[in-house]
């Protein structure tokens, strides 16, 4: 199926555009998995960079059933994981939390954590990092 190009129109009012430090083109571009930078991680997991700049990272990730990332922490980045579909099991400093669609969990810098998908269905979630977490990760 051919990919539909993103609409060049922005839903932001003109006043919001003029106060931003981002170039106008970055503000008005609609972003989705179809036009975002894609990468693979772990065992058959996918990620799409929806926002990728020096101050903020927003990534949509897809993790198949039974998959997990390596336990790690970030020296400087705080992260917020928000589940869009399915559920993930978040281990944060040894405490396990099952996070369902429509819910999220914050992880502060220096905090050991690991995400896994314990279910029989894929899970989709957003990872918001400030500052960006790539290059800031220390595996346990």
N, C-alpha and C. Protein backbone atom coordinates (compact mmCIF):
# COMPACT_ATOMS: atom_id res chain seq x y z
N UNK A 1 0.84 -1.16 0.00
CA UNK A 1 0.00 0.00 0.00
C UNK A 1 0.89 1.24 0.00
N UNK A 2 0.71 2.18 -0.92
CA UNK A 2 1.57 3.35 -0.95
C UNK A 2 1.37 4.22 0.28
N UNK A 3 2.45 4.86 0.68
CA UNK A 3 2.38 5.74 1.83
C UNK A 3 1.85 7.10 1.43
N UNK A 4 0.95 7.61 2.22
CA UNK A 4 0.37 8.92 1.98
C UNK A 4 1.30 9.98 2.58
N UNK A 5 1.70 11.00 1.82
CA UNK A 5 2.56 12.03 2.39
C UNK A 5 1.82 12.82 3.47
N UNK A 6 2.59 13.30 4.42
CA UNK A 6 2.00 14.08 5.51
C UNK A 6 1.50 15.41 4.99
N UNK A 7 0.46 15.90 5.61
CA UNK A 7 -0.10 17.19 5.24
C UNK A 7 0.84 18.29 5.66
N UNK A 8 1.10 19.29 4.81
CA UNK A 8 2.01 20.36 5.18
C UNK A 8 1.36 21.41 6.07
N UNK A 9 0.06 21.31 6.33
CA UNK A 9 -0.62 22.31 7.16
C UNK A 9 -0.44 22.01 8.62
N UNK A 10 -0.35 23.04 9.43
CA UNK A 10 -0.20 22.91 10.87
C UNK A 10 -1.52 23.26 11.55
N UNK A 11 -1.77 22.58 12.65
CA UNK A 11 -2.97 22.89 13.42
C UNK A 11 -2.68 23.95 14.48
N UNK A 12 -1.41 24.44 14.57
CA UNK A 12 -1.07 25.46 15.54
C UNK A 12 -1.54 26.83 15.07
N UNK A 13 -2.00 27.65 15.99
CA UNK A 13 -2.33 29.02 15.62
C UNK A 13 -1.06 29.79 15.28
N UNK A 14 -1.19 30.84 14.51
CA UNK A 14 -0.05 31.65 14.09
C UNK A 14 0.74 32.17 15.29
N UNK A 15 0.07 32.54 16.38
CA UNK A 15 0.77 33.08 17.54
C UNK A 15 1.71 32.05 18.16
N UNK A 16 1.32 30.77 18.15
CA UNK A 16 2.17 29.72 18.70
C UNK A 16 3.40 29.53 17.82
N UNK A 17 3.24 29.66 16.52
CA UNK A 17 4.36 29.49 15.60
C UNK A 17 5.39 30.59 15.80
N UNK A 18 4.97 31.80 15.97
CA UNK A 18 5.90 32.91 16.03
C UNK A 18 6.73 32.91 17.32
N UNK A 19 6.28 32.25 18.39
CA UNK A 19 7.01 32.22 19.64
C UNK A 19 7.96 31.04 19.76
N UNK A 20 7.98 30.15 18.80
CA UNK A 20 8.80 28.96 18.87
C UNK A 20 10.20 29.23 18.35
N UNK A 21 11.18 28.47 18.86
CA UNK A 21 12.54 28.58 18.36
C UNK A 21 12.80 27.60 17.23
N UNK A 22 11.85 26.72 16.94
CA UNK A 22 12.02 25.78 15.84
C UNK A 22 11.73 26.47 14.52
N UNK A 23 12.42 26.02 13.44
CA UNK A 23 12.10 26.55 12.11
C UNK A 23 10.65 26.28 11.75
N UNK A 24 10.07 27.14 10.94
CA UNK A 24 8.67 27.01 10.55
C UNK A 24 8.40 25.66 9.91
N UNK A 25 9.33 25.14 9.11
CA UNK A 25 9.12 23.85 8.44
C UNK A 25 8.97 22.72 9.45
N UNK A 26 9.75 22.77 10.55
CA UNK A 26 9.66 21.72 11.57
C UNK A 26 8.33 21.80 12.32
N UNK A 27 7.79 22.99 12.48
CA UNK A 27 6.52 23.15 13.20
C UNK A 27 5.35 22.65 12.39
N UNK A 28 5.39 22.84 11.09
CA UNK A 28 4.22 22.56 10.27
C UNK A 28 4.21 21.15 9.70
N UNK A 29 5.25 20.39 9.88
CA UNK A 29 5.33 19.05 9.32
C UNK A 29 4.63 18.05 10.24
N UNK A 30 3.66 17.35 9.71
CA UNK A 30 3.00 16.29 10.45
C UNK A 30 3.93 15.08 10.52
N UNK A 31 4.09 14.51 11.70
CA UNK A 31 5.03 13.40 11.90
C UNK A 31 4.26 12.14 12.27
N UNK A 32 4.66 11.03 11.68
CA UNK A 32 4.07 9.73 11.99
C UNK A 32 5.15 8.67 11.81
N UNK A 33 4.81 7.43 12.12
CA UNK A 33 5.75 6.33 11.89
C UNK A 33 6.10 6.22 10.41
N UNK A 34 5.20 6.63 9.54
CA UNK A 34 5.44 6.50 8.11
C UNK A 34 6.52 7.43 7.58
N UNK A 35 6.72 8.59 8.23
CA UNK A 35 7.74 9.51 7.72
C UNK A 35 8.84 9.81 8.74
N UNK A 36 8.81 9.18 9.90
CA UNK A 36 9.83 9.39 10.93
C UNK A 36 11.02 8.46 10.70
N UNK A 37 12.17 8.85 11.25
CA UNK A 37 13.37 8.01 11.18
C UNK A 37 13.13 6.74 11.99
N UNK A 38 13.35 5.59 11.38
CA UNK A 38 13.11 4.29 12.00
C UNK A 38 14.43 3.65 12.43
N UNK A 39 14.40 2.90 13.52
CA UNK A 39 15.55 2.10 13.92
C UNK A 39 15.07 0.82 14.60
N UNK A 40 15.94 -0.18 14.66
CA UNK A 40 15.65 -1.45 15.34
C UNK A 40 16.46 -1.51 16.62
N UNK A 41 15.89 -2.12 17.64
CA UNK A 41 16.61 -2.30 18.89
C UNK A 41 16.24 -3.64 19.50
N UNK A 42 17.10 -4.16 20.37
CA UNK A 42 16.82 -5.42 21.06
C UNK A 42 16.51 -6.54 20.09
N UNK A 43 15.63 -7.43 20.50
CA UNK A 43 15.22 -8.56 19.67
C UNK A 43 13.92 -8.22 18.95
N UNK A 44 14.03 -7.76 17.71
CA UNK A 44 12.88 -7.48 16.85
C UNK A 44 11.99 -6.34 17.36
N UNK A 45 12.55 -5.36 18.04
CA UNK A 45 11.80 -4.20 18.49
C UNK A 45 12.04 -3.05 17.52
N UNK A 46 11.07 -2.17 17.39
CA UNK A 46 11.15 -1.04 16.46
C UNK A 46 11.00 0.26 17.21
N UNK A 47 11.65 1.30 16.67
CA UNK A 47 11.51 2.65 17.21
C UNK A 47 11.43 3.65 16.07
N UNK A 48 10.67 4.72 16.29
CA UNK A 48 10.53 5.80 15.32
C UNK A 48 10.78 7.12 16.04
N UNK A 49 11.76 7.90 15.57
CA UNK A 49 12.06 9.21 16.15
C UNK A 49 11.00 10.20 15.66
N UNK A 50 10.05 10.55 16.51
CA UNK A 50 9.02 11.52 16.16
C UNK A 50 9.53 12.95 16.37
N UNK A 51 10.32 13.15 17.41
CA UNK A 51 11.01 14.42 17.67
C UNK A 51 12.43 14.05 18.04
N UNK A 52 13.39 14.68 17.38
CA UNK A 52 14.79 14.38 17.65
C UNK A 52 15.59 15.67 17.52
N UNK A 53 15.82 16.33 18.67
CA UNK A 53 16.68 17.52 18.64
C UNK A 53 17.52 17.56 19.91
N UNK A 54 18.29 18.59 20.09
CA UNK A 54 19.23 18.68 21.19
C UNK A 54 18.56 18.79 22.56
N UNK A 55 17.29 19.19 22.61
CA UNK A 55 16.61 19.40 23.89
C UNK A 55 15.60 18.31 24.25
N UNK A 56 15.06 17.64 23.23
CA UNK A 56 13.93 16.74 23.47
C UNK A 56 13.94 15.59 22.46
N UNK A 57 13.57 14.42 22.95
CA UNK A 57 13.40 13.25 22.10
C UNK A 57 12.02 12.64 22.39
N UNK A 58 11.27 12.37 21.33
CA UNK A 58 10.01 11.64 21.46
C UNK A 58 10.10 10.48 20.48
N UNK A 59 10.00 9.27 21.03
CA UNK A 59 10.12 8.06 20.22
C UNK A 59 8.89 7.20 20.43
N UNK A 60 8.34 6.68 19.33
CA UNK A 60 7.31 5.65 19.44
C UNK A 60 8.01 4.32 19.29
N UNK A 61 7.73 3.40 20.19
CA UNK A 61 8.37 2.09 20.13
C UNK A 61 7.32 0.99 20.08
N UNK A 62 7.70 -0.08 19.41
CA UNK A 62 6.87 -1.29 19.29
C UNK A 62 7.70 -2.45 19.81
N UNK A 63 7.17 -3.14 20.81
CA UNK A 63 7.89 -4.26 21.41
C UNK A 63 7.01 -5.51 21.30
N UNK A 64 7.53 -6.57 20.65
CA UNK A 64 6.73 -7.77 20.47
C UNK A 64 6.54 -8.54 21.78
N UNK A 65 5.61 -9.49 21.80
CA UNK A 65 5.37 -10.29 23.00
C UNK A 65 6.65 -10.96 23.49
N UNK A 66 6.87 -10.89 24.80
CA UNK A 66 8.01 -11.56 25.41
C UNK A 66 9.34 -10.82 25.31
N UNK A 67 9.42 -9.74 24.54
CA UNK A 67 10.68 -9.02 24.36
C UNK A 67 10.95 -8.09 25.54
N UNK A 68 12.22 -7.75 25.73
CA UNK A 68 12.62 -6.85 26.81
C UNK A 68 13.89 -6.11 26.40
N UNK A 69 14.07 -4.94 27.00
CA UNK A 69 15.33 -4.22 26.80
C UNK A 69 16.28 -4.59 27.93
N UNK A 70 17.53 -4.22 27.81
CA UNK A 70 18.54 -4.45 28.84
C UNK A 70 18.33 -3.44 29.96
N UNK A 71 18.43 -3.89 31.22
CA UNK A 71 18.32 -2.97 32.35
C UNK A 71 19.46 -1.95 32.22
N UNK A 72 19.12 -0.68 32.47
CA UNK A 72 20.10 0.39 32.27
C UNK A 72 19.66 1.63 33.04
N UNK A 73 20.46 2.68 32.96
CA UNK A 73 20.06 3.98 33.48
C UNK A 73 20.66 5.05 32.56
N UNK A 74 20.20 6.27 32.76
CA UNK A 74 20.72 7.41 32.00
C UNK A 74 21.31 8.39 32.99
N UNK A 75 22.48 8.91 32.67
CA UNK A 75 23.16 9.85 33.56
C UNK A 75 22.42 11.18 33.66
N UNK A 76 21.92 11.69 32.54
CA UNK A 76 21.34 13.04 32.50
C UNK A 76 19.87 13.08 32.12
N UNK A 77 19.42 12.13 31.33
CA UNK A 77 18.05 12.18 30.78
C UNK A 77 17.01 11.66 31.76
N UNK A 78 15.91 12.39 31.85
CA UNK A 78 14.71 11.86 32.48
C UNK A 78 13.83 11.35 31.35
N UNK A 79 13.03 10.35 31.64
CA UNK A 79 12.17 9.76 30.61
C UNK A 79 10.75 9.59 31.13
N UNK A 80 9.81 9.64 30.18
CA UNK A 80 8.43 9.34 30.49
C UNK A 80 7.96 8.32 29.46
N UNK A 81 7.52 7.16 29.92
CA UNK A 81 7.01 6.08 29.08
C UNK A 81 5.49 6.14 29.15
N UNK A 82 4.84 6.26 27.99
CA UNK A 82 3.38 6.34 27.93
C UNK A 82 2.88 5.25 26.98
N UNK A 83 2.09 4.32 27.49
CA UNK A 83 1.63 3.17 26.71
C UNK A 83 0.44 3.56 25.85
N UNK A 84 0.57 3.32 24.56
CA UNK A 84 -0.50 3.61 23.59
C UNK A 84 -1.41 2.40 23.37
N UNK A 85 -0.81 1.21 23.32
CA UNK A 85 -1.57 -0.02 23.07
C UNK A 85 -0.87 -1.18 23.76
N UNK A 86 -1.65 -2.08 24.32
CA UNK A 86 -1.09 -3.23 25.03
C UNK A 86 -0.71 -2.84 26.45
N UNK A 87 0.32 -3.50 26.96
CA UNK A 87 0.81 -3.23 28.30
C UNK A 87 2.29 -3.56 28.36
N UNK A 88 3.01 -2.88 29.24
CA UNK A 88 4.42 -3.18 29.46
C UNK A 88 4.65 -3.35 30.96
N UNK A 89 5.63 -4.16 31.27
CA UNK A 89 6.05 -4.33 32.66
C UNK A 89 7.32 -3.50 32.83
N UNK A 90 7.23 -2.47 33.67
CA UNK A 90 8.37 -1.59 33.93
C UNK A 90 9.00 -1.98 35.25
N UNK A 91 10.28 -2.26 35.21
CA UNK A 91 11.05 -2.47 36.43
C UNK A 91 11.83 -1.18 36.66
N UNK A 92 11.58 -0.51 37.77
CA UNK A 92 12.26 0.73 38.12
C UNK A 92 12.88 0.54 39.50
N UNK A 93 14.21 0.50 39.55
CA UNK A 93 14.94 0.28 40.81
C UNK A 93 14.41 -0.93 41.57
N UNK A 94 14.15 -2.03 40.83
CA UNK A 94 13.71 -3.28 41.43
C UNK A 94 12.23 -3.40 41.67
N UNK A 95 11.47 -2.32 41.51
CA UNK A 95 10.02 -2.36 41.70
C UNK A 95 9.32 -2.57 40.36
N UNK A 96 8.45 -3.57 40.30
CA UNK A 96 7.73 -3.91 39.07
C UNK A 96 6.38 -3.21 39.03
N UNK A 97 6.06 -2.59 37.87
CA UNK A 97 4.77 -1.94 37.67
C UNK A 97 4.24 -2.33 36.31
N UNK A 98 3.03 -2.87 36.26
CA UNK A 98 2.38 -3.17 35.00
C UNK A 98 1.68 -1.90 34.52
N UNK A 99 2.08 -1.42 33.36
CA UNK A 99 1.57 -0.16 32.84
C UNK A 99 0.68 -0.47 31.64
N UNK A 100 -0.59 -0.13 31.74
CA UNK A 100 -1.59 -0.41 30.70
C UNK A 100 -1.72 0.76 29.73
N UNK A 101 -2.36 0.51 28.59
CA UNK A 101 -2.63 1.57 27.61
C UNK A 101 -3.37 2.72 28.29
N UNK A 102 -2.94 3.93 27.96
CA UNK A 102 -3.54 5.12 28.56
C UNK A 102 -2.86 5.55 29.84
N UNK A 103 -1.79 4.85 30.25
CA UNK A 103 -1.06 5.18 31.48
C UNK A 103 0.42 5.33 31.17
N UNK A 104 1.13 6.00 32.08
CA UNK A 104 2.55 6.21 31.88
C UNK A 104 3.32 6.14 33.18
N UNK A 105 4.65 6.19 33.06
CA UNK A 105 5.52 6.15 34.23
C UNK A 105 6.75 6.99 33.94
N UNK A 106 7.16 7.78 34.93
CA UNK A 106 8.33 8.66 34.80
C UNK A 106 9.54 7.99 35.42
N UNK A 107 10.70 8.14 34.74
CA UNK A 107 11.96 7.60 35.22
C UNK A 107 12.96 8.75 35.28
N UNK A 108 13.46 9.05 36.47
CA UNK A 108 14.39 10.16 36.67
C UNK A 108 15.83 9.75 36.31
N UNK A 109 16.70 10.73 36.03
CA UNK A 109 18.11 10.42 35.72
C UNK A 109 18.75 9.58 36.83
N UNK A 110 19.61 8.65 36.43
CA UNK A 110 20.32 7.80 37.39
C UNK A 110 19.52 6.63 37.90
N UNK A 111 18.26 6.50 37.49
CA UNK A 111 17.37 5.44 37.97
C UNK A 111 17.45 4.22 37.06
N UNK A 112 17.80 3.08 37.63
CA UNK A 112 17.87 1.83 36.84
C UNK A 112 16.46 1.43 36.44
N UNK A 113 16.32 1.03 35.17
CA UNK A 113 15.00 0.62 34.69
C UNK A 113 15.11 -0.33 33.51
N UNK A 114 14.00 -1.01 33.25
CA UNK A 114 13.91 -1.97 32.15
C UNK A 114 12.45 -2.11 31.76
N UNK A 115 12.18 -2.12 30.46
CA UNK A 115 10.82 -2.33 29.98
C UNK A 115 10.77 -3.70 29.32
N UNK A 116 9.66 -4.39 29.54
CA UNK A 116 9.44 -5.69 28.89
C UNK A 116 7.96 -5.84 28.56
N UNK A 117 7.69 -6.69 27.60
CA UNK A 117 6.31 -6.96 27.22
C UNK A 117 5.96 -8.38 27.69
N UNK A 118 5.21 -8.50 28.78
CA UNK A 118 4.88 -9.82 29.32
C UNK A 118 3.67 -10.48 28.65
N UNK A 119 3.01 -9.74 27.75
CA UNK A 119 1.74 -10.24 27.20
C UNK A 119 1.95 -11.04 25.91
N UNK A 120 0.85 -11.50 25.35
CA UNK A 120 0.89 -12.26 24.10
C UNK A 120 0.60 -11.38 22.89
N UNK A 121 0.52 -10.06 23.09
CA UNK A 121 0.28 -9.11 22.01
C UNK A 121 1.38 -8.06 22.00
N UNK A 122 1.65 -7.46 20.83
CA UNK A 122 2.64 -6.38 20.79
C UNK A 122 2.18 -5.20 21.64
N UNK A 123 3.14 -4.43 22.12
CA UNK A 123 2.84 -3.22 22.88
C UNK A 123 3.46 -2.03 22.15
N UNK A 124 2.72 -0.93 22.13
CA UNK A 124 3.18 0.33 21.51
C UNK A 124 3.21 1.39 22.59
N UNK A 125 4.31 2.15 22.66
CA UNK A 125 4.41 3.18 23.68
C UNK A 125 5.30 4.31 23.20
N UNK A 126 5.15 5.47 23.85
CA UNK A 126 6.00 6.62 23.59
C UNK A 126 7.06 6.69 24.68
N UNK A 127 8.26 7.09 24.28
CA UNK A 127 9.33 7.38 25.23
C UNK A 127 9.73 8.83 24.99
N UNK A 128 9.45 9.66 25.98
CA UNK A 128 9.80 11.08 25.91
C UNK A 128 11.02 11.27 26.80
N UNK A 129 12.10 11.80 26.22
CA UNK A 129 13.35 11.98 26.96
C UNK A 129 13.81 13.43 26.89
N UNK A 130 14.23 13.95 28.05
CA UNK A 130 14.71 15.31 28.12
C UNK A 130 15.88 15.37 29.09
N UNK A 131 17.09 15.71 28.66
CA UNK A 131 17.49 15.82 27.26
C UNK A 131 17.45 14.44 26.60
N UNK A 132 17.68 14.35 25.29
CA UNK A 132 17.63 13.06 24.61
C UNK A 132 18.53 12.02 25.31
N UNK A 133 18.07 10.78 25.32
CA UNK A 133 18.76 9.72 26.06
C UNK A 133 19.80 8.96 25.25
N UNK A 134 19.78 9.07 23.93
CA UNK A 134 20.76 8.35 23.13
C UNK A 134 22.16 8.92 23.41
N UNK A 135 23.11 8.04 23.69
CA UNK A 135 24.45 8.46 24.06
C UNK A 135 24.59 8.72 25.54
N UNK A 136 23.52 8.58 26.29
CA UNK A 136 23.49 8.85 27.73
C UNK A 136 23.18 7.57 28.51
N UNK A 137 23.17 6.45 27.85
CA UNK A 137 22.73 5.18 28.44
C UNK A 137 23.90 4.40 29.01
N UNK A 138 23.72 3.85 30.21
CA UNK A 138 24.70 2.99 30.84
C UNK A 138 24.01 1.66 31.14
N UNK A 139 24.41 0.60 30.42
CA UNK A 139 23.83 -0.73 30.64
C UNK A 139 24.31 -1.30 31.96
N UNK A 140 23.42 -2.04 32.63
CA UNK A 140 23.74 -2.66 33.93
C UNK A 140 24.34 -4.03 33.70
